Amino acid sequence: MGRTYLVEEGIGQYLTELSTKVKPYVTGLLIGQCSPQRDYVIRAVRTPPKEQQQEESLGPAKLASLDEEWITTHASQVSRMLPGGLLVLGVFMIATPELAKDGQNALRKLIFSVEKSLSKRRLWKPAEEEVSDRAALQICSATKKVVCRTYDVQDPKSSAKPADWKYQSALTASWVALGCTVNVNIHIPLLATSPNHDLEKNTKNGLNRWSKQIEDSVFLINGQVKDDDTELLEGQKKFRGNTQPSTQFSDVKVLTQLCQGASARSTATVQVCSGSINLRGAVKCRAYIHSNKPKVKEAIQALKRDIINTLSDRCEILFEDLILNEGPQKKNFGREYHVLPQRLFVPVAGSSVMLSDYKFGDEAAGEIQERFVEMLDQPVQAEDMHMAEDIST
């Protein structure tokens, strides 16, 4: 029995519109949430066109010319804009009938490339029972026929399994949102032996240690500790007949352990350091979870991942910005302060879910709006951008 994908109705219209503009083929990403019973697709986003593609499209159409690196880079950029609970669930391709035969092979290759690229950046490990199937959606631009298959990304030899693709209106109307503010104060020593002060590598190592602390933290949902396997919405009233997006919001407190328990032995290590990195500030985190009897552990896992992702993504963005503006050869290692980009949230039309992005202090609203159009094919009004935080360093 294959997986079932419940798909936001508006995606059908979006894919139909794309299929009328196909110049032999178009690819893109599917964004949503996995759950043990079924998966939810809340957005489809086409791959942004490359400037030189216009000239290339004059030659005969071939899927061999698919730019895998461009598509995986797009997936990495998009994954930074997803709050906890959402991920890149798969890829789609709309192609002319002549290319349909090779379409499935191309999609399979893309699914594994995208997953490899995304898993490289993660500071958390997938849980054993986690769903590892990803969707490959193929649509014929002439007949509009839809074929959905899945591949298990944990198994490199995985073969295609059929899957159901079902449209549903107001899919996320009553999803649950969880939010928390985490105060960060991370001290990362720079070893004297580390070559050339590799700041990025050291920062990642320090964040790795910190992420394990987050994994071991206690999470209070609306002031209560709840058992992992209880239903998140247990004891809450359900509002029937309301298809307007109406998020049920849960406030979460994160309690990190101050030290190891008395039973755990630890050995101290003395290392010679030549400096240190300090990350300080308060980060706003958010996760969304489906409303089909979600378990507490699903919700907490989604929020934990958002906490870990939001900090590591910001550090990555800062280092990219430093390399762009100062070049990789910078050798001045005096005391420096850098402001990490602030988080902002933007609503998804017709949904209770919000997407996220990061803004440096000197970035104009227009630059963020351009990024949403390029990365998520979504126009955003400046007044819809909600800054979530004060400045962190």
Protein backbone atom coordinates (compact mmCIF):
# COMPACT_ATOMS: atom_id res chain seq x y z
CA MET A 1 0.00 0.00 0.00
CA GLY A 2 1.54 3.33 -1.09
CA ARG A 3 1.53 6.65 0.78
CA THR A 4 -1.28 9.17 0.50
CA TYR A 5 -0.52 12.84 -0.16
CA LEU A 6 -3.23 15.28 0.87
CA VAL A 7 -2.63 18.38 -1.21
CA GLU A 8 -3.82 21.97 -0.76
CA GLU A 9 -6.39 22.63 -3.51
CA GLY A 10 -4.65 25.81 -4.75
CA ILE A 11 -1.60 23.72 -5.77
CA GLY A 12 -3.65 22.04 -8.51
CA GLN A 13 -4.39 25.45 -10.03
CA TYR A 14 -0.74 26.53 -9.68
CA LEU A 15 0.52 23.38 -11.46
CA THR A 16 -2.10 23.79 -14.22
CA GLU A 17 -0.97 27.38 -14.83
CA LEU A 18 2.68 26.26 -14.95
CA SER A 19 1.84 23.52 -17.47
CA THR A 20 0.51 26.10 -19.93
CA LYS A 21 3.90 27.88 -19.89
CA VAL A 22 6.06 24.75 -20.23
CA LYS A 23 8.92 25.15 -22.68
CA PRO A 24 9.72 21.54 -22.89
CA TYR A 25 9.76 21.05 -19.08
CA VAL A 26 9.64 22.78 -15.69
CA THR A 27 10.79 21.40 -12.33
CA GLY A 28 10.08 22.42 -8.75
CA LEU A 29 9.80 21.44 -5.09
CA LEU A 30 6.94 20.12 -3.00
CA ILE A 31 6.77 21.55 0.53
CA GLY A 32 4.79 20.07 3.40
CA GLN A 33 4.78 17.76 6.37
CA CYS A 34 5.21 14.02 6.91
CA SER A 35 3.11 12.12 9.42
CA PRO A 36 2.93 8.37 10.14
CA GLN A 37 -0.45 8.00 8.40
CA ARG A 38 -0.23 10.42 5.48
CA ASP A 39 1.72 13.39 4.15
CA TYR A 40 0.47 16.93 3.61
CA VAL A 41 1.59 19.12 0.68
CA ILE A 42 0.93 22.79 1.35
CA ARG A 43 2.98 24.43 -1.42
CA ALA A 44 4.57 23.69 -4.77
CA VAL A 45 7.36 26.02 -5.92
CA ARG A 46 8.88 26.05 -9.39
CA THR A 47 12.68 26.14 -9.79
CA PRO A 48 13.72 29.75 -10.52
CA PRO A 49 14.79 30.13 -14.17
CA LYS A 50 18.48 30.72 -14.86
CA GLU A 51 19.40 33.65 -17.09
CA GLN A 52 21.24 31.55 -19.66
CA GLN A 53 18.29 29.12 -19.93
CA GLN A 54 16.56 31.47 -22.36
CA GLU A 55 19.27 30.94 -24.99
CA GLU A 56 19.55 27.20 -24.29
CA SER A 57 15.83 26.65 -24.88
CA LEU A 58 16.34 27.22 -28.62
CA GLY A 59 18.02 23.80 -29.06
CA PRO A 60 16.25 20.41 -29.01
CA ALA A 61 14.67 19.51 -25.66
CA LYS A 62 16.59 17.05 -23.49
CA LEU A 63 16.21 16.12 -19.83
CA ALA A 64 19.95 15.43 -19.72
CA SER A 65 20.43 19.21 -19.58
CA LEU A 66 18.69 19.38 -16.17
CA ASP A 67 20.86 21.50 -13.87
CA GLU A 68 20.97 19.30 -10.76
CA GLU A 69 23.18 21.70 -8.81
CA TRP A 70 20.85 24.65 -9.46
CA ILE A 71 17.83 22.65 -8.25
CA THR A 72 19.57 21.38 -5.08
CA THR A 73 20.82 24.91 -4.27
CA HIS A 74 17.24 26.14 -4.59
CA ALA A 75 16.09 23.36 -2.21
CA SER A 76 18.74 24.42 0.36
CA GLN A 77 17.66 28.07 0.15
CA VAL A 78 13.97 27.15 0.45
CA SER A 79 14.56 24.86 3.45
CA ARG A 80 15.95 27.87 5.38
CA MET A 81 12.60 29.60 4.87
CA LEU A 82 10.55 26.77 6.39
CA PRO A 83 9.56 26.85 10.07
CA GLY A 84 9.60 23.69 12.22
CA GLY A 85 7.38 20.88 10.95
CA LEU A 86 7.74 21.79 7.26
CA LEU A 87 10.26 20.26 4.88
CA VAL A 88 10.98 19.65 1.21
CA LEU A 89 8.76 16.59 0.65
CA GLY A 90 9.72 15.88 -2.91
CA VAL A 91 10.11 17.23 -6.43
CA PHE A 92 7.78 17.70 -9.37
CA MET A 93 8.23 17.91 -13.12
CA ILE A 94 5.82 19.06 -15.79
CA ALA A 95 7.05 17.90 -19.19
CA THR A 96 5.93 17.44 -22.78
CA PRO A 97 4.86 13.89 -23.85
CA GLU A 98 8.17 13.34 -25.71
CA LEU A 99 10.10 13.74 -22.44
CA ALA A 100 7.72 11.72 -20.25
CA LYS A 101 9.65 8.46 -20.74
CA ASP A 102 12.83 9.84 -19.11
CA GLY A 103 10.97 11.92 -16.54
CA GLN A 104 10.85 9.34 -13.76
CA ASN A 105 14.60 8.62 -13.92
CA ALA A 106 15.37 12.34 -13.78
CA LEU A 107 13.03 12.80 -10.80
CA ARG A 108 14.58 9.86 -8.93
CA LYS A 109 18.04 11.34 -9.38
CA LEU A 110 16.83 14.76 -8.20
CA ILE A 111 15.14 13.38 -5.07
CA PHE A 112 18.37 11.73 -3.88
CA SER A 113 20.50 14.81 -4.76
CA VAL A 114 18.16 17.17 -2.89
CA GLU A 115 18.05 14.91 0.18
CA LYS A 116 21.85 14.54 0.22
CA SER A 117 22.28 18.32 0.03
CA LEU A 118 19.74 19.00 2.80
CA SER A 119 20.97 16.28 5.19
CA LYS A 120 24.56 17.60 4.95
CA ARG A 121 23.50 20.85 6.62
CA ARG A 122 21.37 19.36 9.41
CA LEU A 123 22.63 19.35 12.98
CA TRP A 124 20.03 16.78 14.05
CA LYS A 125 19.60 13.11 13.17
CA PRO A 126 16.30 11.75 11.83
CA ALA A 127 14.40 9.55 14.30
CA GLU A 128 14.33 5.80 13.59
CA GLU A 129 10.58 5.70 12.99
CA GLU A 130 10.64 8.76 10.76
CA VAL A 131 9.03 8.72 7.32
CA SER A 132 11.83 8.66 4.73
CA ASP A 133 9.69 8.43 1.58
CA ARG A 134 9.86 11.45 -0.76
CA ALA A 135 7.47 12.21 -3.59
CA ALA A 136 8.22 12.32 -7.31
CA LEU A 137 5.31 14.00 -9.10
CA GLN A 138 5.17 13.90 -12.89
CA ILE A 139 2.59 15.80 -14.96
CA CYS A 140 2.15 15.62 -18.72
CA SER A 141 1.76 19.15 -20.12
CA ALA A 142 -0.48 17.92 -22.95
CA THR A 143 -2.85 15.45 -21.24
CA LYS A 144 -2.49 16.92 -17.67
CA LYS A 145 -2.15 13.32 -16.41
CA VAL A 146 -0.66 13.20 -12.88
CA VAL A 147 1.60 10.33 -11.76
CA CYS A 148 2.85 10.33 -8.16
CA ARG A 149 5.47 7.87 -6.92
CA THR A 150 7.69 7.72 -3.84
CA TYR A 151 11.30 6.74 -3.18
CA ASP A 152 12.83 5.85 0.18
CA VAL A 153 15.77 8.26 0.53
CA GLN A 154 17.37 6.08 3.24
CA ASP A 155 17.80 3.31 0.68
CA PRO A 156 20.01 4.21 -2.34
CA LYS A 157 18.64 1.18 -4.23
CA SER A 158 15.02 2.15 -3.54
CA SER A 159 12.60 1.57 -6.41
CA ALA A 160 9.46 3.59 -7.14
CA LYS A 161 6.27 2.90 -5.18
CA PRO A 162 2.88 4.24 -6.32
CA ALA A 163 1.25 6.94 -4.17
CA ASP A 164 -2.16 8.66 -4.01
CA TRP A 165 -2.34 12.39 -4.80
CA LYS A 166 -5.57 13.88 -3.39
CA TYR A 167 -6.59 17.54 -3.40
CA GLN A 168 -8.33 18.98 -0.34
CA SER A 169 -9.60 22.48 0.43
CA ALA A 170 -8.54 24.42 3.57
CA LEU A 171 -5.92 21.75 4.30
CA THR A 172 -4.08 23.73 6.98
CA ALA A 173 -7.05 25.73 8.29
CA SER A 174 -6.90 24.24 11.78
CA TRP A 175 -3.24 23.30 12.12
CA VAL A 176 -1.60 23.89 15.49
CA ALA A 177 1.22 26.42 15.91
CA LEU A 178 3.80 26.18 18.68
CA GLY A 179 6.05 29.08 19.55
CA CYS A 180 8.87 29.77 21.98
CA THR A 181 11.67 32.22 22.66
CA VAL A 182 15.05 30.67 23.41
CA ASN A 183 17.78 32.70 25.09
CA VAL A 184 21.09 31.75 23.54
CA ASN A 185 24.47 32.20 25.20
CA ILE A 186 26.95 29.86 23.52
CA HIS A 187 30.69 30.04 24.17
CA ILE A 188 32.81 28.30 21.51
CA PRO A 189 36.58 28.07 22.16
CA LEU A 190 38.90 28.37 19.15
CA LEU A 191 41.71 25.87 19.55
CA ALA A 192 45.23 27.16 18.95
CA THR A 193 45.82 24.06 16.80
CA SER A 194 42.87 24.72 14.49
CA PRO A 195 44.37 25.78 11.13
CA ASN A 196 43.88 29.36 10.01
CA HIS A 197 41.14 30.10 12.58
CA ASP A 198 38.48 28.22 10.65
CA LEU A 199 35.60 30.16 12.21
CA GLU A 200 32.84 28.49 10.24
CA LYS A 201 33.96 24.96 11.11
CA ASN A 202 34.49 25.82 14.79
CA THR A 203 31.09 27.50 14.97
CA LYS A 204 29.44 24.42 13.48
CA ASN A 205 31.20 22.18 16.04
CA GLY A 206 30.04 24.45 18.88
CA LEU A 207 26.47 24.47 17.53
CA ASN A 208 26.62 20.68 17.32
CA ARG A 209 27.31 20.46 21.06
CA TRP A 210 24.59 23.02 21.79
CA SER A 211 22.06 21.14 19.63
CA LYS A 212 22.49 18.06 21.84
CA GLN A 213 21.54 20.27 24.83
CA ILE A 214 18.38 21.33 23.01
CA GLU A 215 17.57 17.68 22.21
CA ASP A 216 17.85 16.86 25.94
CA SER A 217 15.78 19.85 27.13
CA VAL A 218 12.40 19.67 28.83
CA PHE A 219 9.53 21.34 26.93
CA LEU A 220 6.53 22.78 28.79
CA ILE A 221 3.49 23.15 26.52
CA ASN A 222 1.18 25.86 27.90
CA GLY A 223 2.93 25.42 31.26
CA GLN A 224 2.59 21.61 31.39
CA VAL A 225 4.93 18.69 30.87
CA LYS A 226 3.05 16.24 28.65
CA ASP A 227 3.76 12.59 27.97
CA ASP A 228 5.29 11.98 24.51
CA ASP A 229 2.55 9.65 23.32
CA THR A 230 -0.45 11.70 24.47
CA GLU A 231 -2.43 13.64 21.92
CA LEU A 232 -1.36 17.26 21.68
CA LEU A 233 -4.94 18.53 21.53
CA GLU A 234 -6.28 16.27 24.29
CA GLY A 235 -8.87 18.11 26.36
CA GLN A 236 -9.06 21.07 23.96
CA LYS A 237 -12.33 22.05 22.35
CA LYS A 238 -12.57 21.59 18.61
CA PHE A 239 -14.25 24.31 16.56
CA ARG A 240 -16.41 22.68 13.93
CA GLY A 241 -17.62 24.12 10.67
CA ASN A 242 -14.95 26.79 10.60
CA THR A 243 -12.84 26.69 7.43
CA GLN A 244 -11.25 30.10 8.02
CA PRO A 245 -7.58 29.76 8.98
CA SER A 246 -7.71 29.80 12.78
CA THR A 247 -4.46 28.68 14.30
CA GLN A 248 -4.54 27.10 17.72
CA PHE A 249 -1.42 28.54 19.31
CA SER A 250 0.55 26.79 22.04
CA ASP A 251 3.12 28.68 24.06
CA VAL A 252 6.19 26.57 24.86
CA LYS A 253 8.92 27.05 27.47
CA VAL A 254 12.28 25.33 26.95
CA LEU A 255 14.16 24.22 30.07
CA THR A 256 17.77 23.27 29.38
CA GLN A 257 19.78 21.24 31.89
CA LEU A 258 22.40 23.24 33.78
CA CYS A 259 24.73 20.31 34.30
CA GLN A 260 24.91 16.56 33.98
CA GLY A 261 23.15 14.40 36.54
CA ALA A 262 25.18 13.18 39.53
CA SER A 263 25.30 9.67 38.05
CA ALA A 264 26.96 10.77 34.80
CA ARG A 265 30.74 10.94 35.07
CA SER A 266 32.58 13.55 33.10
CA THR A 267 36.25 14.07 32.42
CA ALA A 268 37.68 17.55 32.00
CA THR A 269 39.92 18.30 29.04
CA VAL A 270 42.43 21.14 29.00
CA GLN A 271 42.98 22.63 25.56
CA VAL A 272 45.09 25.58 24.45
CA CYS A 273 42.86 28.22 22.86
CA SER A 274 43.66 31.27 20.80
CA GLY A 275 40.28 32.93 21.04
CA SER A 276 36.58 32.24 21.27
CA ILE A 277 33.25 32.87 19.58
CA ASN A 278 30.26 33.94 21.65
CA LEU A 279 26.73 33.72 20.32
CA ARG A 280 24.23 35.71 22.36
CA GLY A 281 20.64 36.79 21.98
CA ALA A 282 17.02 35.65 22.04
CA VAL A 283 15.66 33.70 19.07
CA LYS A 284 11.98 33.28 18.18
CA CYS A 285 11.09 29.77 17.10
CA ARG A 286 7.93 28.38 15.59
CA ALA A 287 6.59 25.03 14.44
CA TYR A 288 3.36 23.88 12.82
CA ILE A 289 1.70 20.52 13.18
CA HIS A 290 -1.24 18.87 11.35
CA SER A 291 -4.56 18.61 13.22
CA ASN A 292 -5.16 14.87 12.67
CA LYS A 293 -4.61 13.68 16.27
CA PRO A 294 -0.97 14.85 16.47
CA LYS A 295 1.16 13.38 19.24
CA VAL A 296 3.08 15.56 21.70
CA LYS A 297 6.39 14.04 20.53
CA GLU A 298 5.71 15.09 16.90
CA ALA A 299 5.09 18.68 17.97
CA ILE A 300 8.13 18.88 20.26
CA GLN A 301 10.38 17.30 17.63
CA ALA A 302 9.24 19.91 15.07
CA LEU A 303 9.96 22.75 17.51
CA LYS A 304 13.37 21.34 18.54
CA ARG A 305 14.39 21.22 14.90
CA ASP A 306 13.28 24.79 14.34
CA ILE A 307 15.38 25.98 17.31
CA ILE A 308 18.46 24.17 16.00
CA ASN A 309 17.90 25.12 12.33
CA THR A 310 17.23 28.80 12.94
CA LEU A 311 20.54 29.35 14.70
CA SER A 312 22.70 27.26 12.35
CA ASP A 313 21.00 28.82 9.27
CA ARG A 314 21.71 32.34 10.57
CA CYS A 315 25.37 31.55 11.20
CA GLU A 316 25.59 30.11 7.67
CA ILE A 317 23.97 33.26 6.21
CA LEU A 318 26.35 35.49 8.21
CA PHE A 319 29.44 33.61 6.99
CA GLU A 320 28.18 33.77 3.39
CA ASP A 321 27.65 37.51 3.81
CA LEU A 322 31.16 38.00 5.30
CA ILE A 323 32.78 36.10 2.43
CA LEU A 324 30.81 38.18 -0.10
CA ASN A 325 31.72 41.49 1.52
CA GLU A 326 35.19 40.85 2.94
CA GLY A 327 36.53 37.90 0.99
CA PRO A 328 37.78 34.59 2.48
CA GLN A 329 41.33 35.91 3.04
CA LYS A 330 40.51 38.20 5.98
CA LYS A 331 43.22 37.81 8.62
CA ASN A 332 42.30 40.40 11.24
CA PHE A 333 41.36 38.48 14.37
CA GLY A 334 40.75 41.30 16.85
CA ARG A 335 37.53 41.53 18.84
CA GLU A 336 34.63 41.86 16.42
CA TYR A 337 30.88 42.06 16.74
CA HIS A 338 28.61 40.78 14.01
CA VAL A 339 24.87 41.02 14.15
CA LEU A 340 23.13 37.82 13.09
CA PRO A 341 20.17 38.39 10.74
CA GLN A 342 16.77 38.80 12.43
CA ARG A 343 13.90 36.46 11.78
CA LEU A 344 10.66 37.53 10.14
CA PHE A 345 7.48 35.63 9.33
CA VAL A 346 5.19 35.94 6.31
CA PRO A 347 1.69 34.42 5.94
CA VAL A 348 0.88 31.88 3.22
CA ALA A 349 -2.27 32.92 1.34
CA GLY A 350 -5.36 30.92 2.45
CA SER A 351 -3.44 29.09 5.18
CA SER A 352 -2.80 29.39 8.90
CA VAL A 353 0.90 28.58 8.31
CA MET A 354 3.60 31.25 8.05
CA LEU A 355 6.91 30.99 6.22
CA SER A 356 10.10 32.56 7.51
CA ASP A 357 13.14 34.51 6.32
CA TYR A 358 16.11 36.41 7.73
CA LYS A 359 16.92 40.10 7.38
CA PHE A 360 20.14 41.99 8.05
CA GLY A 361 19.65 45.46 9.57
CA ASP A 362 20.64 47.27 6.37
CA GLU A 363 18.49 45.15 4.05
CA ALA A 364 15.51 46.90 2.49
CA ALA A 365 12.02 45.35 2.53
CA GLY A 366 12.19 45.23 -1.29
CA GLU A 367 15.11 42.76 -1.15
CA ILE A 368 13.10 40.40 1.06
CA GLN A 369 10.11 40.72 -1.28
CA GLU A 370 12.31 39.85 -4.27
CA ARG A 371 13.66 36.80 -2.42
CA PHE A 372 10.14 35.48 -1.75
CA VAL A 373 9.22 35.86 -5.43
CA GLU A 374 12.44 34.18 -6.60
CA MET A 375 12.63 31.36 -4.02
CA LEU A 376 8.96 30.65 -3.25
CA ASP A 377 7.20 32.18 -6.27
CA GLN A 378 5.10 34.19 -3.81
CA PRO A 379 4.54 37.96 -3.89
CA VAL A 380 4.65 39.47 -0.38
CA GLN A 381 3.35 42.86 0.78
CA ALA A 382 5.75 44.84 2.99
CA GLU A 383 3.03 45.21 5.65
CA ASP A 384 2.68 41.39 5.85
CA MET A 385 6.30 40.92 6.97
CA HIS A 386 6.29 40.44 10.74
CA MET A 387 9.67 41.04 12.39
CA ALA A 388 9.85 38.49 15.20
CA GLU A 389 12.95 39.58 17.14
CA ASP A 390 15.30 42.22 18.38
CA ILE A 391 18.91 42.17 17.25
CA SER A 392 21.15 39.21 18.34
CA THR A 393 24.95 39.07 18.11
